[in-house]
């Protein structure tokens, strides 16, 4: 795995149980520095205080959705290059397309396991680290 397991990961979800599940999966993969936020606005605040190597965010949150949060991250010159994985219970094609257009790094549909999460994270970082031709 070409992923730096020592990097900080930010998990964003308004459902505490889902935060715990994702945190446990990340720990199974080997990540140690895992932070969380309950919505996009809180996550943005954390991202402006600390550099994260990866963000894993739910789509459906209030008051700021994961989609709006993704748009804010991509619009901020200090944050725009942060790898961002969107998690959702909905596999609507239009949501996937919207997230891709907004600059999401990868997309996971719930439910998922540690292997799926690992594969999605590895795919994000293999894209980022690909040498220029």
C-alpha atoms as a PDB file:
ATOM      1  CA  UNK A   1       0.000   0.000   0.000  1.00  0.00           C
ATOM      2  CA  UNK A   2       1.551   3.281  -1.148  1.00  0.00           C
ATOM      3  CA  UNK A   3      -0.485   5.224   1.398  1.00  0.00           C
ATOM      4  CA  UNK A   4       1.139   7.048   4.313  1.00  0.00           C
ATOM      5  CA  UNK A   5      -0.641   5.530   7.324  1.00  0.00           C
ATOM      6  CA  UNK A   6       0.792   8.240   9.590  1.00  0.00           C
ATOM      7  CA  UNK A   7      -1.163  11.026   7.867  1.00  0.00           C
ATOM      8  CA  UNK A   8      -4.114  12.660   9.578  1.00  0.00           C
ATOM      9  CA  UNK A   9      -7.560  11.620   8.356  1.00  0.00           C
ATOM     10  CA  UNK A  10     -10.717  13.682   8.900  1.00  0.00           C
ATOM     11  CA  UNK A  11     -13.999  11.740   9.070  1.00  0.00           C
ATOM     12  CA  UNK A  12     -17.111  13.894   8.601  1.00  0.00           C
ATOM     13  CA  UNK A  13     -20.560  12.521   9.380  1.00  0.00           C
ATOM     14  CA  UNK A  14     -23.497  13.785  11.436  1.00  0.00           C
ATOM     15  CA  UNK A  15     -24.276  10.239  12.593  1.00  0.00           C
ATOM     16  CA  UNK A  16     -21.972   9.308  15.503  1.00  0.00           C
ATOM     17  CA  UNK A  17     -22.347   5.577  14.877  1.00  0.00           C
ATOM     18  CA  UNK A  18     -21.092   5.998  11.298  1.00  0.00           C
ATOM     19  CA  UNK A  19     -18.125   8.057  12.531  1.00  0.00           C
ATOM     20  CA  UNK A  20     -17.260   5.199  14.910  1.00  0.00           C
ATOM     21  CA  UNK A  21     -17.618   2.593  12.151  1.00  0.00           C
ATOM     22  CA  UNK A  22     -15.377   4.502   9.721  1.00  0.00           C
ATOM     23  CA  UNK A  23     -12.859   5.238  12.500  1.00  0.00           C
ATOM     24  CA  UNK A  24     -12.699   1.495  13.333  1.00  0.00           C
ATOM     25  CA  UNK A  25     -12.251   0.564   9.668  1.00  0.00           C
ATOM     26  CA  UNK A  26      -9.450   3.126   9.309  1.00  0.00           C
ATOM     27  CA  UNK A  27      -7.776   1.722  12.427  1.00  0.00           C
ATOM     28  CA  UNK A  28      -8.044  -1.812  10.981  1.00  0.00           C
ATOM     29  CA  UNK A  29      -6.254  -0.534   7.865  1.00  0.00           C
ATOM     30  CA  UNK A  30      -3.540   0.990  10.068  1.00  0.00           C
ATOM     31  CA  UNK A  31      -4.317   4.703  10.375  1.00  0.00           C
ATOM     32  CA  UNK A  32      -3.595   6.195  13.804  1.00  0.00           C
ATOM     33  CA  UNK A  33      -4.395   9.926  13.483  1.00  0.00           C
ATOM     34  CA  UNK A  34      -8.147  10.113  12.937  1.00  0.00           C
ATOM     35  CA  UNK A  35     -10.156  13.248  13.643  1.00  0.00           C
ATOM     36  CA  UNK A  36     -13.879  13.792  13.152  1.00  0.00           C
ATOM     37  CA  UNK A  37     -16.467  16.506  12.612  1.00  0.00           C
ATOM     38  CA  UNK A  38     -20.264  16.371  12.648  1.00  0.00           C
ATOM     39  CA  UNK A  39     -20.918  18.458   9.518  1.00  0.00           C
ATOM     40  CA  UNK A  40     -19.218  20.294   6.668  1.00  0.00           C
ATOM     41  CA  UNK A  41     -18.982  23.641   8.461  1.00  0.00           C
ATOM     42  CA  UNK A  42     -17.260  22.099  11.497  1.00  0.00           C
ATOM     43  CA  UNK A  43     -14.970  20.131   9.178  1.00  0.00           C
ATOM     44  CA  UNK A  44     -13.968  23.263   7.263  1.00  0.00           C
ATOM     45  CA  UNK A  45     -13.018  24.908  10.549  1.00  0.00           C
ATOM     46  CA  UNK A  46     -10.811  21.942  11.458  1.00  0.00           C
ATOM     47  CA  UNK A  47      -9.236  21.886   7.995  1.00  0.00           C
ATOM     48  CA  UNK A  48      -8.300  25.553   8.298  1.00  0.00           C
ATOM     49  CA  UNK A  49      -6.541  24.822  11.618  1.00  0.00           C
ATOM     50  CA  UNK A  50      -4.771  21.571  10.672  1.00  0.00           C
ATOM     51  CA  UNK A  51      -3.553  19.887   7.500  1.00  0.00           C
ATOM     52  CA  UNK A  52      -5.255  16.559   6.707  1.00  0.00           C
ATOM     53  CA  UNK A  53      -3.921  13.983   4.285  1.00  0.00           C
ATOM     54  CA  UNK A  54      -7.400  12.629   3.557  1.00  0.00           C
ATOM     55  CA  UNK A  55     -11.038  13.589   4.128  1.00  0.00           C
ATOM     56  CA  UNK A  56     -13.822  10.999   4.234  1.00  0.00           C
ATOM     57  CA  UNK A  57     -17.198  12.730   4.279  1.00  0.00           C
ATOM     58  CA  UNK A  58     -20.836  11.700   4.252  1.00  0.00           C
ATOM     59  CA  UNK A  59     -23.028  13.290   1.570  1.00  0.00           C
ATOM     60  CA  UNK A  60     -26.230  13.787   3.625  1.00  0.00           C
ATOM     61  CA  UNK A  61     -25.588  16.096   6.581  1.00  0.00           C
ATOM     62  CA  UNK A  62     -27.123  19.222   8.067  1.00  0.00           C
ATOM     63  CA  UNK A  63     -26.631  22.162   8.098  1.00  0.00           C
ATOM     64  CA  UNK A  64     -23.815  21.865   5.495  1.00  0.00           C
ATOM     65  CA  UNK A  65     -23.989  18.794   3.263  1.00  0.00           C
ATOM     66  CA  UNK A  66     -20.960  16.794   2.209  1.00  0.00           C
ATOM     67  CA  UNK A  67     -21.480  18.044  -1.334  1.00  0.00           C
ATOM     68  CA  UNK A  68     -21.433  21.721  -0.229  1.00  0.00           C
ATOM     69  CA  UNK A  69     -18.402  20.915   1.958  1.00  0.00           C
ATOM     70  CA  UNK A  70     -16.606  19.363  -1.034  1.00  0.00           C
ATOM     71  CA  UNK A  71     -17.345  22.482  -3.102  1.00  0.00           C
ATOM     72  CA  UNK A  72     -15.942  24.716  -0.334  1.00  0.00           C
ATOM     73  CA  UNK A  73     -12.783  22.596  -0.036  1.00  0.00           C
ATOM     74  CA  UNK A  74     -12.182  22.664  -3.804  1.00  0.00           C
ATOM     75  CA  UNK A  75     -12.751  26.446  -3.896  1.00  0.00           C
ATOM     76  CA  UNK A  76     -10.188  27.140  -1.130  1.00  0.00           C
ATOM     77  CA  UNK A  77      -6.614  27.544  -2.467  1.00  0.00           C
ATOM     78  CA  UNK A  78      -5.163  26.171   0.795  1.00  0.00           C
ATOM     79  CA  UNK A  79      -7.380  23.062   0.839  1.00  0.00           C
ATOM     80  CA  UNK A  80      -8.290  22.276  -2.779  1.00  0.00           C
ATOM     81  CA  UNK A  81      -5.725  19.519  -3.270  1.00  0.00           C
ATOM     82  CA  UNK A  82      -6.773  17.496  -0.190  1.00  0.00           C
ATOM     83  CA  UNK A  83      -7.842  13.980  -1.231  1.00  0.00           C
ATOM     84  CA  UNK A  84     -11.594  13.691  -0.589  1.00  0.00           C
ATOM     85  CA  UNK A  85     -13.711  10.517  -0.485  1.00  0.00           C
ATOM     86  CA  UNK A  86     -17.490  10.917  -0.432  1.00  0.00           C
ATOM     87  CA  UNK A  87     -19.583   8.329   1.424  1.00  0.00           C
ATOM     88  CA  UNK A  88     -23.301   7.936   0.844  1.00  0.00           C
ATOM     89  CA  UNK A  89     -26.148   5.478   1.241  1.00  0.00           C
ATOM     90  CA  UNK A  90     -27.484   6.559  -2.157  1.00  0.00           C
ATOM     91  CA  UNK A  91     -25.982   5.303  -5.386  1.00  0.00           C
ATOM     92  CA  UNK A  92     -27.873   7.765  -7.587  1.00  0.00           C
ATOM     93  CA  UNK A  93     -25.975   8.301 -10.810  1.00  0.00           C
ATOM     94  CA  UNK A  94     -26.641  12.057 -10.731  1.00  0.00           C
ATOM     95  CA  UNK A  95     -25.029  12.306  -7.260  1.00  0.00           C
ATOM     96  CA  UNK A  96     -21.933  10.443  -8.419  1.00  0.00           C
ATOM     97  CA  UNK A  97     -21.690  12.700 -11.491  1.00  0.00           C
ATOM     98  CA  UNK A  98     -22.200  15.851  -9.396  1.00  0.00           C
ATOM     99  CA  UNK A  99     -19.528  14.758  -6.910  1.00  0.00           C
ATOM    100  CA  UNK A 100     -17.083  13.966  -9.742  1.00  0.00           C
ATOM    101  CA  UNK A 101     -17.718  17.375 -11.332  1.00  0.00           C
ATOM    102  CA  UNK A 102     -17.146  19.026  -7.950  1.00  0.00           C
ATOM    103  CA  UNK A 103     -13.768  17.300  -7.697  1.00  0.00           C
ATOM    104  CA  UNK A 104     -14.314  14.298  -5.427  1.00  0.00           C
ATOM    105  CA  UNK A 105     -11.349  11.910  -5.379  1.00  0.00           C
ATOM    106  CA  UNK A 106     -13.458   8.787  -4.904  1.00  0.00           C
ATOM    107  CA  UNK A 107     -16.955   7.677  -3.911  1.00  0.00           C
ATOM    108  CA  UNK A 108     -18.133   4.864  -1.600  1.00  0.00           C
ATOM    109  CA  UNK A 109     -21.696   3.582  -1.264  1.00  0.00           C
ATOM    110  CA  UNK A 110     -22.741   2.309   2.192  1.00  0.00           C
ATOM    111  CA  UNK A 111     -22.494  -0.299   3.512  1.00  0.00           C
ATOM    112  CA  UNK A 112     -18.822  -1.075   2.986  1.00  0.00           C
ATOM    113  CA  UNK A 113     -16.042  -2.972   4.739  1.00  0.00           C
ATOM    114  CA  UNK A 114     -12.366  -2.340   5.532  1.00  0.00           C
ATOM    115  CA  UNK A 115     -11.211  -3.925   2.247  1.00  0.00           C
ATOM    116  CA  UNK A 116     -13.492  -1.688   0.174  1.00  0.00           C
ATOM    117  CA  UNK A 117     -12.314   1.378   2.089  1.00  0.00           C
ATOM    118  CA  UNK A 118      -8.667   0.334   1.673  1.00  0.00           C
ATOM    119  CA  UNK A 119      -9.184  -0.163  -2.090  1.00  0.00           C
ATOM    120  CA  UNK A 120     -10.816   3.258  -2.472  1.00  0.00           C
ATOM    121  CA  UNK A 121      -8.032   4.963  -0.472  1.00  0.00           C
ATOM    122  CA  UNK A 122      -5.328   3.156  -2.456  1.00  0.00           C
ATOM    123  CA  UNK A 123      -7.019   4.196  -5.711  1.00  0.00           C
ATOM    124  CA  UNK A 124      -7.014   7.842  -4.607  1.00  0.00           C
ATOM    125  CA  UNK A 125      -3.325   7.802  -3.771  1.00  0.00           C
ATOM    126  CA  UNK A 126      -2.261   5.793  -6.807  1.00  0.00           C
ATOM    127  CA  UNK A 127      -3.899   8.521  -8.926  1.00  0.00           C
ATOM    128  CA  UNK A 128      -2.182  11.279  -6.932  1.00  0.00           C
ATOM    129  CA  UNK A 129       1.256   9.655  -6.983  1.00  0.00           C
ATOM    130  CA  UNK A 130       1.296   8.596 -10.642  1.00  0.00           C
ATOM    131  CA  UNK A 131       4.472   9.941 -12.237  1.00  0.00           C
ATOM    132  CA  UNK A 132       4.093  12.355 -15.131  1.00  0.00           C
ATOM    133  CA  UNK A 133       4.918  10.857 -18.511  1.00  0.00           C
END
